[in-house]
Amino acid sequence: MSEGLETSNCPNSQWIEAMRDVDVAIGRPVIVNIGCNKGFDAIKFYALWSLPLLPVPNVDVWWHLLKTIKNMNCGACFQCSGQPSAASSNTFRGKQKEEVPPPLVLCVEPLPINVKVLKEGYTHLKYDENFPTFEILDLAGSDHADDTVYLPDTNRVGAENLGITDEVTNTKVQTTTVDAIFEEYQLKEIDVLSIDTEGYDPLVLSGASETLKQRKARYVEFEFHIHGPWKTTSLSSVIEELDGYGYDCFWAGAGKGGGMLWPVTGPMNWDTRYDEVRAWSNIACVDRLDQWAAVLEEFVYDPLI
């Protein structure tokens, strides 16, 4: 467990590519990225769930362009590099490749400066023409929709945790929920729900309760630390709720030779120290009846290996 605690801040999520490789679900892949930030992860998700030999957005090209638009860094976990490999099979999600539509990737980002840079990059690279199912939504993920929050309108890209201060102008941003997105887009299910909202993940998960209760999200990942609502929300309470919905969750980290997972669902796996860490950590959850559950089990840490 201690190794997992020490290395969970930037997990090597190799299991996601493995999930893609065994996927036999039918229909358009759907990825909802709440807290899209600079778009690196959303672009990688699009590339991962695209068919071989088809044009896909390239994260290295995206970063090069964004650097010219605004002085920015590569991200805390260097997400700006490492274009994922394409699917290698001629069949994908149970159908022949010519029958599979491109993935729907919803990049939900509230911070005004990030949205500005995202949209400039989107327009310059003609994503609206080349990748029309990659969408940028300038909304704040929350536990309720159609409300407004005030976020800093600063020129500093990546100022997600700046918060509301007297030193910057605060801009109104409309809130949304995963449940509202699910209904608006008339989704049948969400393949990947990725949440990175600088401490507001508990609110986003609460706003996804109907989707999760119906097990309409196959894989869910989120961050845990001391900021925002996590100050008053225990990880154990969130894990217990997800367990009740039918999800098994894991402490996501990096182990010997690559990504590793430590089970945290159920009394046999839970350790009170997980609640006490309060350092930046990552959690990965999967519908325990989905075929992806077996994939994640393959990455569970084994001290004997």
C-alpha atoms as a PDB file:
ATOM      1  CA  MET A   1       0.000   0.000   0.000  1.00  0.00           C
ATOM      2  CA  SER A   2       2.750   2.468   0.897  1.00  0.00           C
ATOM      3  CA  GLU A   3       4.152   2.402  -2.618  1.00  0.00           C
ATOM      4  CA  GLY A   4       0.717   3.209  -3.998  1.00  0.00           C
ATOM      5  CA  LEU A   5       0.321   6.111  -1.605  1.00  0.00           C
ATOM      6  CA  GLU A   6       3.634   7.583  -2.648  1.00  0.00           C
ATOM      7  CA  THR A   7       3.107   7.393  -6.407  1.00  0.00           C
ATOM      8  CA  SER A   8      -0.565   8.144  -7.006  1.00  0.00           C
ATOM      9  CA  ASN A   9      -0.191  11.779  -8.021  1.00  0.00           C
ATOM     10  CA  CYS A  10       0.807  10.983 -11.627  1.00  0.00           C
ATOM     11  CA  PRO A  11      -0.411   7.455 -12.359  1.00  0.00           C
ATOM     12  CA  ASN A  12       0.788   5.586 -15.408  1.00  0.00           C
ATOM     13  CA  SER A  13      -2.707   4.648 -16.593  1.00  0.00           C
ATOM     14  CA  GLN A  14      -1.723   1.808 -18.905  1.00  0.00           C
ATOM     15  CA  TRP A  15      -4.983   0.029 -18.133  1.00  0.00           C
ATOM     16  CA  ILE A  16      -6.907   2.561 -20.239  1.00  0.00           C
ATOM     17  CA  GLU A  17      -5.196   1.454 -23.433  1.00  0.00           C
ATOM     18  CA  ALA A  18      -5.755  -2.169 -22.376  1.00  0.00           C
ATOM     19  CA  MET A  19      -9.447  -1.378 -21.864  1.00  0.00           C
ATOM     20  CA  ARG A  20      -9.618  -0.014 -25.400  1.00  0.00           C
ATOM     21  CA  ASP A  21      -7.915  -3.085 -26.829  1.00  0.00           C
ATOM     22  CA  VAL A  22     -10.490  -5.539 -25.444  1.00  0.00           C
ATOM     23  CA  ASP A  23     -13.548  -3.368 -26.012  1.00  0.00           C
ATOM     24  CA  VAL A  24     -16.467  -5.014 -27.789  1.00  0.00           C
ATOM     25  CA  ALA A  25     -19.155  -2.474 -26.924  1.00  0.00           C
ATOM     26  CA  ILE A  26     -21.256  -1.415 -29.896  1.00  0.00           C
ATOM     27  CA  GLY A  27     -21.778   2.188 -30.899  1.00  0.00           C
ATOM     28  CA  ARG A  28     -19.952   5.469 -30.684  1.00  0.00           C
ATOM     29  CA  PRO A  29     -17.308   5.654 -27.928  1.00  0.00           C
ATOM     30  CA  VAL A  30     -18.198   8.448 -25.490  1.00  0.00           C
ATOM     31  CA  ILE A  31     -15.654  10.214 -23.291  1.00  0.00           C
ATOM     32  CA  VAL A  32     -16.698  13.005 -20.920  1.00  0.00           C
ATOM     33  CA  ASN A  33     -13.740  14.973 -19.550  1.00  0.00           C
ATOM     34  CA  ILE A  34     -14.875  17.269 -16.719  1.00  0.00           C
ATOM     35  CA  GLY A  35     -12.074  19.731 -15.989  1.00  0.00           C
ATOM     36  CA  CYS A  36     -10.483  19.456 -19.410  1.00  0.00           C
ATOM     37  CA  ASN A  37      -7.818  22.029 -18.550  1.00  0.00           C
ATOM     38  CA  LYS A  38      -5.581  22.473 -21.618  1.00  0.00           C
ATOM     39  CA  GLY A  39      -7.128  19.569 -23.545  1.00  0.00           C
ATOM     40  CA  PHE A  40      -4.198  17.145 -23.477  1.00  0.00           C
ATOM     41  CA  ASP A  41      -6.066  14.215 -21.930  1.00  0.00           C
ATOM     42  CA  ALA A  42      -9.174  14.795 -24.053  1.00  0.00           C
ATOM     43  CA  ILE A  43      -7.085  14.685 -27.226  1.00  0.00           C
ATOM     44  CA  LYS A  44      -5.411  11.472 -26.098  1.00  0.00           C
ATOM     45  CA  PHE A  45      -8.803   9.914 -25.351  1.00  0.00           C
ATOM     46  CA  TYR A  46      -9.992  10.828 -28.857  1.00  0.00           C
ATOM     47  CA  ALA A  47      -6.882   9.313 -30.420  1.00  0.00           C
ATOM     48  CA  LEU A  48      -7.150   6.151 -28.302  1.00  0.00           C
ATOM     49  CA  TRP A  49     -10.738   5.448 -29.276  1.00  0.00           C
ATOM     50  CA  SER A  50     -10.316   6.226 -32.974  1.00  0.00           C
ATOM     51  CA  LEU A  51      -9.958   3.537 -35.589  1.00  0.00           C
ATOM     52  CA  PRO A  52      -6.588   2.636 -37.130  1.00  0.00           C
ATOM     53  CA  LEU A  53      -5.455   4.623 -40.164  1.00  0.00           C
ATOM     54  CA  LEU A  54      -7.987   7.405 -39.564  1.00  0.00           C
ATOM     55  CA  PRO A  55      -6.825  10.983 -38.911  1.00  0.00           C
ATOM     56  CA  VAL A  56      -6.700  11.791 -35.204  1.00  0.00           C
ATOM     57  CA  PRO A  57      -5.742  14.903 -33.238  1.00  0.00           C
ATOM     58  CA  ASN A  58      -2.115  14.870 -32.162  1.00  0.00           C
ATOM     59  CA  VAL A  59      -1.235  15.981 -28.644  1.00  0.00           C
ATOM     60  CA  ASP A  60       2.288  17.096 -29.632  1.00  0.00           C
ATOM     61  CA  VAL A  61       0.936  19.326 -32.415  1.00  0.00           C
ATOM     62  CA  TRP A  62      -1.686  20.669 -30.011  1.00  0.00           C
ATOM     63  CA  TRP A  63       0.912  21.605 -27.404  1.00  0.00           C
ATOM     64  CA  HIS A  64       3.197  23.237 -29.974  1.00  0.00           C
ATOM     65  CA  LEU A  65       0.307  25.416 -31.123  1.00  0.00           C
ATOM     66  CA  LEU A  66      -0.828  26.299 -27.610  1.00  0.00           C
ATOM     67  CA  LYS A  67       2.708  27.370 -26.730  1.00  0.00           C
ATOM     68  CA  THR A  68       2.566  29.903 -29.552  1.00  0.00           C
ATOM     69  CA  ILE A  69      -0.812  31.182 -28.356  1.00  0.00           C
ATOM     70  CA  LYS A  70       0.108  31.473 -24.701  1.00  0.00           C
ATOM     71  CA  ASN A  71       3.193  30.822 -22.630  1.00  0.00           C
ATOM     72  CA  MET A  72       2.324  27.625 -20.790  1.00  0.00           C
ATOM     73  CA  ASN A  73       3.832  24.570 -19.192  1.00  0.00           C
ATOM     74  CA  CYS A  74       3.439  20.925 -20.068  1.00  0.00           C
ATOM     75  CA  GLY A  75       1.232  20.081 -17.112  1.00  0.00           C
ATOM     76  CA  ALA A  76       2.115  18.622 -13.734  1.00  0.00           C
ATOM     77  CA  CYS A  77       2.290  15.114 -15.189  1.00  0.00           C
ATOM     78  CA  PHE A  78       3.714  16.088 -18.603  1.00  0.00           C
ATOM     79  CA  GLN A  79       0.416  15.315 -20.336  1.00  0.00           C
ATOM     80  CA  CYS A  80       1.486  17.452 -23.292  1.00  0.00           C
ATOM     81  CA  SER A  81       3.511  14.636 -24.846  1.00  0.00           C
ATOM     82  CA  GLY A  82       3.114  10.970 -25.597  1.00  0.00           C
ATOM     83  CA  GLN A  83       0.689  10.428 -28.467  1.00  0.00           C
ATOM     84  CA  PRO A  84      -1.162   7.164 -27.674  1.00  0.00           C
ATOM     85  CA  SER A  85      -0.949   4.216 -30.022  1.00  0.00           C
ATOM     86  CA  ALA A  86      -3.869   3.528 -32.318  1.00  0.00           C
ATOM     87  CA  ALA A  87      -6.010   0.431 -32.036  1.00  0.00           C
ATOM     88  CA  SER A  88      -4.211  -2.382 -33.842  1.00  0.00           C
ATOM     89  CA  SER A  89      -7.153  -4.610 -34.733  1.00  0.00           C
ATOM     90  CA  ASN A  90      -9.212  -4.385 -37.921  1.00  0.00           C
ATOM     91  CA  THR A  91     -12.309  -4.788 -35.777  1.00  0.00           C
ATOM     92  CA  PHE A  92     -13.223  -2.396 -33.018  1.00  0.00           C
ATOM     93  CA  ARG A  93     -16.016  -2.389 -30.456  1.00  0.00           C
ATOM     94  CA  GLY A  94     -17.503  -5.501 -32.045  1.00  0.00           C
ATOM     95  CA  LYS A  95     -18.021  -4.099 -35.548  1.00  0.00           C
ATOM     96  CA  GLN A  96     -16.061  -3.714 -38.744  1.00  0.00           C
ATOM     97  CA  LYS A  97     -14.058  -0.516 -38.795  1.00  0.00           C
ATOM     98  CA  GLU A  98     -16.107   1.147 -41.540  1.00  0.00           C
ATOM     99  CA  GLU A  99     -19.207   0.840 -39.336  1.00  0.00           C
ATOM    100  CA  VAL A 100     -17.811   2.519 -36.240  1.00  0.00           C
ATOM    101  CA  PRO A 101     -18.385   6.270 -35.824  1.00  0.00           C
ATOM    102  CA  PRO A 102     -15.609   8.473 -34.415  1.00  0.00           C
ATOM    103  CA  PRO A 103     -15.626   8.971 -30.645  1.00  0.00           C
ATOM    104  CA  LEU A 104     -17.608  11.730 -28.996  1.00  0.00           C
ATOM    105  CA  VAL A 105     -15.259  13.605 -26.674  1.00  0.00           C
ATOM    106  CA  LEU A 106     -16.757  16.354 -24.523  1.00  0.00           C
ATOM    107  CA  CYS A 107     -14.060  18.655 -23.157  1.00  0.00           C
ATOM    108  CA  VAL A 108     -15.777  20.500 -20.283  1.00  0.00           C
ATOM    109  CA  GLU A 109     -13.686  23.393 -18.982  1.00  0.00           C
ATOM    110  CA  PRO A 110     -14.803  26.395 -16.879  1.00  0.00           C
ATOM    111  CA  LEU A 111     -11.705  28.579 -16.492  1.00  0.00           C
ATOM    112  CA  PRO A 112     -12.030  31.500 -18.960  1.00  0.00           C
ATOM    113  CA  ILE A 113      -8.350  31.638 -19.966  1.00  0.00           C
ATOM    114  CA  ASN A 114      -8.229  27.901 -20.607  1.00  0.00           C
ATOM    115  CA  VAL A 115     -11.432  28.072 -22.657  1.00  0.00           C
ATOM    116  CA  LYS A 116     -10.002  30.936 -24.702  1.00  0.00           C
ATOM    117  CA  VAL A 117      -6.819  29.015 -25.490  1.00  0.00           C
ATOM    118  CA  LEU A 118      -8.723  25.784 -26.178  1.00  0.00           C
ATOM    119  CA  LYS A 119     -11.053  27.486 -28.640  1.00  0.00           C
ATOM    120  CA  GLU A 120      -8.216  29.300 -30.401  1.00  0.00           C
ATOM    121  CA  GLY A 121      -6.372  26.015 -30.860  1.00  0.00           C
ATOM    122  CA  TYR A 122      -9.576  24.276 -31.925  1.00  0.00           C
ATOM    123  CA  THR A 123     -10.246  26.889 -34.609  1.00  0.00           C
ATOM    124  CA  HIS A 124      -6.654  27.141 -35.845  1.00  0.00           C
ATOM    125  CA  LEU A 125      -6.332  23.364 -36.292  1.00  0.00           C
ATOM    126  CA  LYS A 126      -9.817  23.178 -37.842  1.00  0.00           C
ATOM    127  CA  TYR A 127     -11.094  20.632 -35.351  1.00  0.00           C
ATOM    128  CA  ASP A 128     -14.633  21.714 -36.235  1.00  0.00           C
ATOM    129  CA  GLU A 129     -14.035  20.343 -39.745  1.00  0.00           C
ATOM    130  CA  ASN A 130     -11.628  17.488 -39.038  1.00  0.00           C
ATOM    131  CA  PHE A 131     -12.913  16.257 -35.669  1.00  0.00           C
ATOM    132  CA  PRO A 132     -16.467  17.588 -35.262  1.00  0.00           C
ATOM    133  CA  THR A 133     -17.227  15.110 -32.474  1.00  0.00           C
ATOM    134  CA  PHE A 134     -14.541  16.712 -30.303  1.00  0.00           C
ATOM    135  CA  GLU A 135     -16.448  19.457 -28.485  1.00  0.00           C
ATOM    136  CA  ILE A 136     -15.353  22.166 -26.055  1.00  0.00           C
ATOM    137  CA  LEU A 137     -17.995  23.144 -23.497  1.00  0.00           C
ATOM    138  CA  ASP A 138     -17.235  26.259 -21.431  1.00  0.00           C
ATOM    139  CA  LEU A 139     -19.115  25.055 -18.366  1.00  0.00           C
ATOM    140  CA  ALA A 140     -18.277  24.248 -14.754  1.00  0.00           C
ATOM    141  CA  GLY A 141     -18.948  20.696 -13.616  1.00  0.00           C
ATOM    142  CA  SER A 142     -20.940  20.678 -10.387  1.00  0.00           C
ATOM    143  CA  ASP A 143     -23.715  18.961  -8.428  1.00  0.00           C
ATOM    144  CA  HIS A 144     -26.402  21.157  -9.979  1.00  0.00           C
ATOM    145  CA  ALA A 145     -26.977  22.597 -13.439  1.00  0.00           C
ATOM    146  CA  ASP A 146     -28.095  25.982 -14.755  1.00  0.00           C
ATOM    147  CA  ASP A 147     -26.534  27.986 -11.950  1.00  0.00           C
ATOM    148  CA  THR A 148     -23.544  30.314 -12.089  1.00  0.00           C
ATOM    149  CA  VAL A 149     -20.200  30.378 -10.345  1.00  0.00           C
ATOM    150  CA  TYR A 150     -17.510  33.050 -10.408  1.00  0.00           C
ATOM    151  CA  LEU A 151     -14.089  32.039 -11.680  1.00  0.00           C
ATOM    152  CA  PRO A 152     -10.916  34.111 -12.109  1.00  0.00           C
ATOM    153  CA  ASP A 153     -10.511  35.718 -15.517  1.00  0.00           C
ATOM    154  CA  THR A 154      -6.728  35.734 -15.430  1.00  0.00           C
ATOM    155  CA  ASN A 155      -4.133  35.591 -18.183  1.00  0.00           C
ATOM    156  CA  ARG A 156      -2.330  32.775 -16.401  1.00  0.00           C
ATOM    157  CA  VAL A 157      -3.053  29.511 -18.207  1.00  0.00           C
ATOM    158  CA  GLY A 158      -3.298  26.650 -15.762  1.00  0.00           C
ATOM    159  CA  ALA A 159      -4.557  28.776 -12.852  1.00  0.00           C
ATOM    160  CA  GLU A 160      -7.258  26.240 -12.029  1.00  0.00           C
ATOM    161  CA  ASN A 161      -6.717  26.373  -8.287  1.00  0.00           C
ATOM    162  CA  LEU A 162      -6.355  30.153  -8.030  1.00  0.00           C
ATOM    163  CA  GLY A 163      -9.859  30.506  -6.650  1.00  0.00           C
ATOM    164  CA  ILE A 164     -11.813  33.703  -6.215  1.00  0.00           C
ATOM    165  CA  THR A 165      -9.610  36.593  -5.111  1.00  0.00           C
ATOM    166  CA  ASP A 166      -9.700  40.381  -5.088  1.00  0.00           C
ATOM    167  CA  GLU A 167      -6.627  40.478  -7.324  1.00  0.00           C
ATOM    168  CA  VAL A 168      -8.369  39.348 -10.511  1.00  0.00           C
ATOM    169  CA  THR A 169     -11.674  39.926 -12.259  1.00  0.00           C
ATOM    170  CA  ASN A 170     -14.094  37.093 -11.697  1.00  0.00           C
ATOM    171  CA  THR A 171     -16.262  35.914 -14.586  1.00  0.00           C
ATOM    172  CA  LYS A 172     -19.655  34.227 -14.422  1.00  0.00           C
ATOM    173  CA  VAL A 173     -19.587  30.642 -15.648  1.00  0.00           C
ATOM    174  CA  GLN A 174     -22.646  28.435 -15.985  1.00  0.00           C
ATOM    175  CA  THR A 175     -22.685  25.122 -14.145  1.00  0.00           C
ATOM    176  CA  THR A 176     -23.669  21.734 -15.498  1.00  0.00           C
ATOM    177  CA  THR A 177     -23.772  18.151 -14.276  1.00  0.00           C
ATOM    178  CA  VAL A 178     -22.847  14.826 -15.789  1.00  0.00           C
ATOM    179  CA  ASP A 179     -26.510  13.842 -15.526  1.00  0.00           C
ATOM    180  CA  ALA A 180     -27.528  16.967 -17.471  1.00  0.00           C
ATOM    181  CA  ILE A 181     -24.931  16.257 -20.168  1.00  0.00           C
ATOM    182  CA  PHE A 182     -26.110  12.650 -20.363  1.00  0.00           C
ATOM    183  CA  GLU A 183     -29.676  13.817 -20.960  1.00  0.00           C
ATOM    184  CA  GLU A 184     -28.839  16.699 -23.303  1.00  0.00           C
ATOM    185  CA  TYR A 185     -26.738  14.525 -25.603  1.00  0.00           C
ATOM    186  CA  GLN A 186     -29.195  11.615 -25.321  1.00  0.00           C
ATOM    187  CA  LEU A 187     -26.376   9.260 -24.421  1.00  0.00           C
ATOM    188  CA  LYS A 188     -26.878   5.562 -23.916  1.00  0.00           C
ATOM    189  CA  GLU A 189     -23.756   5.288 -21.796  1.00  0.00           C
ATOM    190  CA  ILE A 190     -20.465   7.002 -21.057  1.00  0.00           C
ATOM    191  CA  ASP A 191     -17.411   4.860 -21.696  1.00  0.00           C
ATOM    192  CA  VAL A 192     -14.933   7.049 -19.816  1.00  0.00           C
ATOM    193  CA  LEU A 193     -15.843   9.718 -17.273  1.00  0.00           C
ATOM    194  CA  SER A 194     -12.672  11.603 -16.347  1.00  0.00           C
ATOM    195  CA  ILE A 195     -12.894  14.227 -13.578  1.00  0.00           C
ATOM    196  CA  ASP A 196     -10.141  16.710 -12.682  1.00  0.00           C
ATOM    197  CA  THR A 197     -11.688  19.785 -11.093  1.00  0.00           C
ATOM    198  CA  GLU A 198      -9.088  20.949  -8.568  1.00  0.00           C
ATOM    199  CA  GLY A 199     -10.941  19.642  -5.528  1.00  0.00           C
ATOM    200  CA  TYR A 200     -14.523  19.866  -6.745  1.00  0.00           C
ATOM    201  CA  ASP A 201     -14.633  16.229  -7.829  1.00  0.00           C
ATOM    202  CA  PRO A 202     -17.087  15.260  -5.024  1.00  0.00           C
ATOM    203  CA  LEU A 203     -19.604  17.773  -6.399  1.00  0.00           C
ATOM    204  CA  VAL A 204     -19.177  16.454  -9.940  1.00  0.00           C
ATOM    205  CA  LEU A 205     -19.670  12.882  -8.726  1.00  0.00           C
ATOM    206  CA  SER A 206     -22.808  13.981  -6.892  1.00  0.00           C
ATOM    207  CA  GLY A 207     -24.042  15.552 -10.131  1.00  0.00           C
ATOM    208  CA  ALA A 208     -23.458  12.205 -11.849  1.00  0.00           C
ATOM    209  CA  SER A 209     -25.491  10.202  -9.326  1.00  0.00           C
ATOM    210  CA  GLU A 210     -28.307   9.177 -11.673  1.00  0.00           C
ATOM    211  CA  THR A 211     -25.848   8.139 -14.378  1.00  0.00           C
ATOM    212  CA  LEU A 212     -23.853   6.139 -11.841  1.00  0.00           C
ATOM    213  CA  LYS A 213     -26.875   4.584 -10.130  1.00  0.00           C
ATOM    214  CA  GLN A 214     -27.953   3.218 -13.508  1.00  0.00           C
ATOM    215  CA  ARG A 215     -24.372   2.110 -14.195  1.00  0.00           C
ATOM    216  CA  LYS A 216     -24.302   4.140 -17.366  1.00  0.00           C
ATOM    217  CA  ALA A 217     -20.654   5.111 -16.885  1.00  0.00           C
ATOM    218  CA  ARG A 218     -18.337   2.182 -17.512  1.00  0.00           C
ATOM    219  CA  TYR A 219     -15.117   3.681 -16.131  1.00  0.00           C
ATOM    220  CA  VAL A 220     -14.709   6.669 -13.803  1.00  0.00           C
ATOM    221  CA  GLU A 221     -11.526   8.403 -12.685  1.00  0.00           C
ATOM    222  CA  PHE A 222     -11.130  11.337 -10.325  1.00  0.00           C
ATOM    223  CA  GLU A 223      -8.642  13.092  -8.044  1.00  0.00           C
ATOM    224  CA  PHE A 224      -8.515  13.168  -4.249  1.00  0.00           C
ATOM    225  CA  HIS A 225      -6.677  15.663  -2.049  1.00  0.00           C
ATOM    226  CA  ILE A 226      -7.263  18.388   0.541  1.00  0.00           C
ATOM    227  CA  HIS A 227      -8.604  21.230  -1.609  1.00  0.00           C
ATOM    228  CA  GLY A 228     -12.161  22.405  -2.232  1.00  0.00           C
ATOM    229  CA  PRO A 229     -15.013  20.148  -1.050  1.00  0.00           C
ATOM    230  CA  TRP A 230     -12.478  17.421  -0.238  1.00  0.00           C
ATOM    231  CA  LYS A 231     -11.733  19.431   2.911  1.00  0.00           C
ATOM    232  CA  THR A 232     -15.040  18.195   4.321  1.00  0.00           C
ATOM    233  CA  THR A 233     -15.550  15.010   2.277  1.00  0.00           C
ATOM    234  CA  SER A 234     -13.882  11.718   3.124  1.00  0.00           C
ATOM    235  CA  LEU A 235     -12.649   9.446   0.384  1.00  0.00           C
ATOM    236  CA  SER A 236     -14.186   6.479   2.215  1.00  0.00           C
ATOM    237  CA  SER A 237     -17.685   7.977   1.955  1.00  0.00           C
ATOM    238  CA  VAL A 238     -17.295   8.433  -1.805  1.00  0.00           C
ATOM    239  CA  ILE A 239     -15.913   4.914  -2.269  1.00  0.00           C
ATOM    240  CA  GLU A 240     -18.790   3.456  -0.232  1.00  0.00           C
ATOM    241  CA  GLU A 241     -21.334   5.310  -2.349  1.00  0.00           C
ATOM    242  CA  LEU A 242     -19.753   4.105  -5.584  1.00  0.00           C
ATOM    243  CA  ASP A 243     -19.621   0.587  -4.157  1.00  0.00           C
ATOM    244  CA  GLY A 244     -23.372   0.790  -3.586  1.00  0.00           C
ATOM    245  CA  TYR A 245     -23.853   1.790  -7.210  1.00  0.00           C
ATOM    246  CA  GLY A 246     -21.877  -1.244  -8.374  1.00  0.00           C
ATOM    247  CA  TYR A 247     -18.380   0.145  -8.894  1.00  0.00           C
ATOM    248  CA  ASP A 248     -15.044  -1.231  -7.723  1.00  0.00           C
ATOM    249  CA  CYS A 249     -12.450   1.463  -7.095  1.00  0.00           C
ATOM    250  CA  PHE A 250      -8.663   1.461  -7.011  1.00  0.00           C
ATOM    251  CA  TRP A 251      -5.877   3.709  -5.794  1.00  0.00           C
ATOM    252  CA  ALA A 252      -4.165   4.500  -9.089  1.00  0.00           C
ATOM    253  CA  GLY A 253      -0.396   4.718  -9.134  1.00  0.00           C
ATOM    254  CA  ALA A 254       2.821   3.646 -10.745  1.00  0.00           C
ATOM    255  CA  GLY A 255       4.558   0.436  -9.784  1.00  0.00           C
ATOM    256  CA  LYS A 256       7.447  -1.608 -11.055  1.00  0.00           C
ATOM    257  CA  GLY A 257       7.393  -1.603 -14.836  1.00  0.00           C
ATOM    258  CA  GLY A 258       4.340   0.624 -15.240  1.00  0.00           C
ATOM    259  CA  GLY A 259       0.882   1.467 -13.968  1.00  0.00           C
ATOM    260  CA  MET A 260      -0.425  -0.321 -10.896  1.00  0.00           C
ATOM    261  CA  LEU A 261      -3.727  -0.358  -9.017  1.00  0.00           C
ATOM    262  CA  TRP A 262      -4.469  -0.941  -5.337  1.00  0.00           C
ATOM    263  CA  PRO A 263      -8.079  -2.035  -4.539  1.00  0.00           C
ATOM    264  CA  VAL A 264      -9.855   0.239  -2.055  1.00  0.00           C
ATOM    265  CA  THR A 265     -13.441  -1.065  -2.254  1.00  0.00           C
ATOM    266  CA  GLY A 266     -14.732  -3.206   0.588  1.00  0.00           C
ATOM    267  CA  PRO A 267     -13.511  -3.749   4.165  1.00  0.00           C
ATOM    268  CA  MET A 268     -10.891  -6.288   3.069  1.00  0.00           C
ATOM    269  CA  ASN A 269      -9.198  -3.669   0.881  1.00  0.00           C
ATOM    270  CA  TRP A 270      -9.829  -0.386   2.666  1.00  0.00           C
ATOM    271  CA  ASP A 271      -7.180   1.095   4.911  1.00  0.00           C
ATOM    272  CA  THR A 272      -7.922   4.146   7.059  1.00  0.00           C
ATOM    273  CA  ARG A 273      -4.653   5.698   5.905  1.00  0.00           C
ATOM    274  CA  TYR A 274      -6.242   6.366   2.515  1.00  0.00           C
ATOM    275  CA  ASP A 275      -8.524   8.896   4.203  1.00  0.00           C
ATOM    276  CA  GLU A 276      -5.616  10.394   6.085  1.00  0.00           C
ATOM    277  CA  VAL A 277      -3.246  10.965   3.170  1.00  0.00           C
ATOM    278  CA  ARG A 278      -4.932  14.103   1.811  1.00  0.00           C
ATOM    279  CA  ALA A 279      -2.159  14.458  -0.745  1.00  0.00           C
ATOM    280  CA  TRP A 280      -2.868  14.680  -4.447  1.00  0.00           C
ATOM    281  CA  SER A 281      -3.949  11.172  -5.440  1.00  0.00           C
ATOM    282  CA  ASN A 282      -5.932   9.480  -8.192  1.00  0.00           C
ATOM    283  CA  ILE A 283      -8.789   6.996  -8.048  1.00  0.00           C
ATOM    284  CA  ALA A 284      -9.960   4.704 -10.859  1.00  0.00           C
ATOM    285  CA  CYS A 285     -13.351   2.970 -10.704  1.00  0.00           C
ATOM    286  CA  VAL A 286     -15.047   0.471 -12.996  1.00  0.00           C
ATOM    287  CA  ASP A 287     -18.505  -1.061 -13.252  1.00  0.00           C
ATOM    288  CA  ARG A 288     -17.810  -4.447 -11.698  1.00  0.00           C
ATOM    289  CA  LEU A 289     -20.074  -6.197 -14.229  1.00  0.00           C
ATOM    290  CA  ASP A 290     -18.355  -4.631 -17.245  1.00  0.00           C
ATOM    291  CA  GLN A 291     -15.680  -6.512 -19.188  1.00  0.00           C
ATOM    292  CA  TRP A 292     -13.255  -3.744 -18.234  1.00  0.00           C
ATOM    293  CA  ALA A 293     -13.341  -4.891 -14.600  1.00  0.00           C
ATOM    294  CA  ALA A 294     -11.216  -7.898 -15.545  1.00  0.00           C
ATOM    295  CA  VAL A 295      -8.763  -5.587 -17.320  1.00  0.00           C
ATOM    296  CA  LEU A 296      -8.213  -3.468 -14.222  1.00  0.00           C
ATOM    297  CA  GLU A 297      -7.717  -6.582 -12.108  1.00  0.00           C
ATOM    298  CA  GLU A 298      -4.729  -7.428 -14.299  1.00  0.00           C
ATOM    299  CA  PHE A 299      -3.028  -4.244 -13.080  1.00  0.00           C
ATOM    300  CA  VAL A 300      -3.584  -4.831  -9.366  1.00  0.00           C
ATOM    301  CA  TYR A 301      -0.323  -4.572  -7.462  1.00  0.00           C
ATOM    302  CA  ASP A 302       1.252  -7.892  -6.530  1.00  0.00           C
ATOM    303  CA  PRO A 303       4.127  -7.549  -4.043  1.00  0.00           C
ATOM    304  CA  LEU A 304       5.535 -10.885  -5.235  1.00  0.00           C
ATOM    305  CA  ILE A 305       6.156  -9.636  -8.770  1.00  0.00           C
END
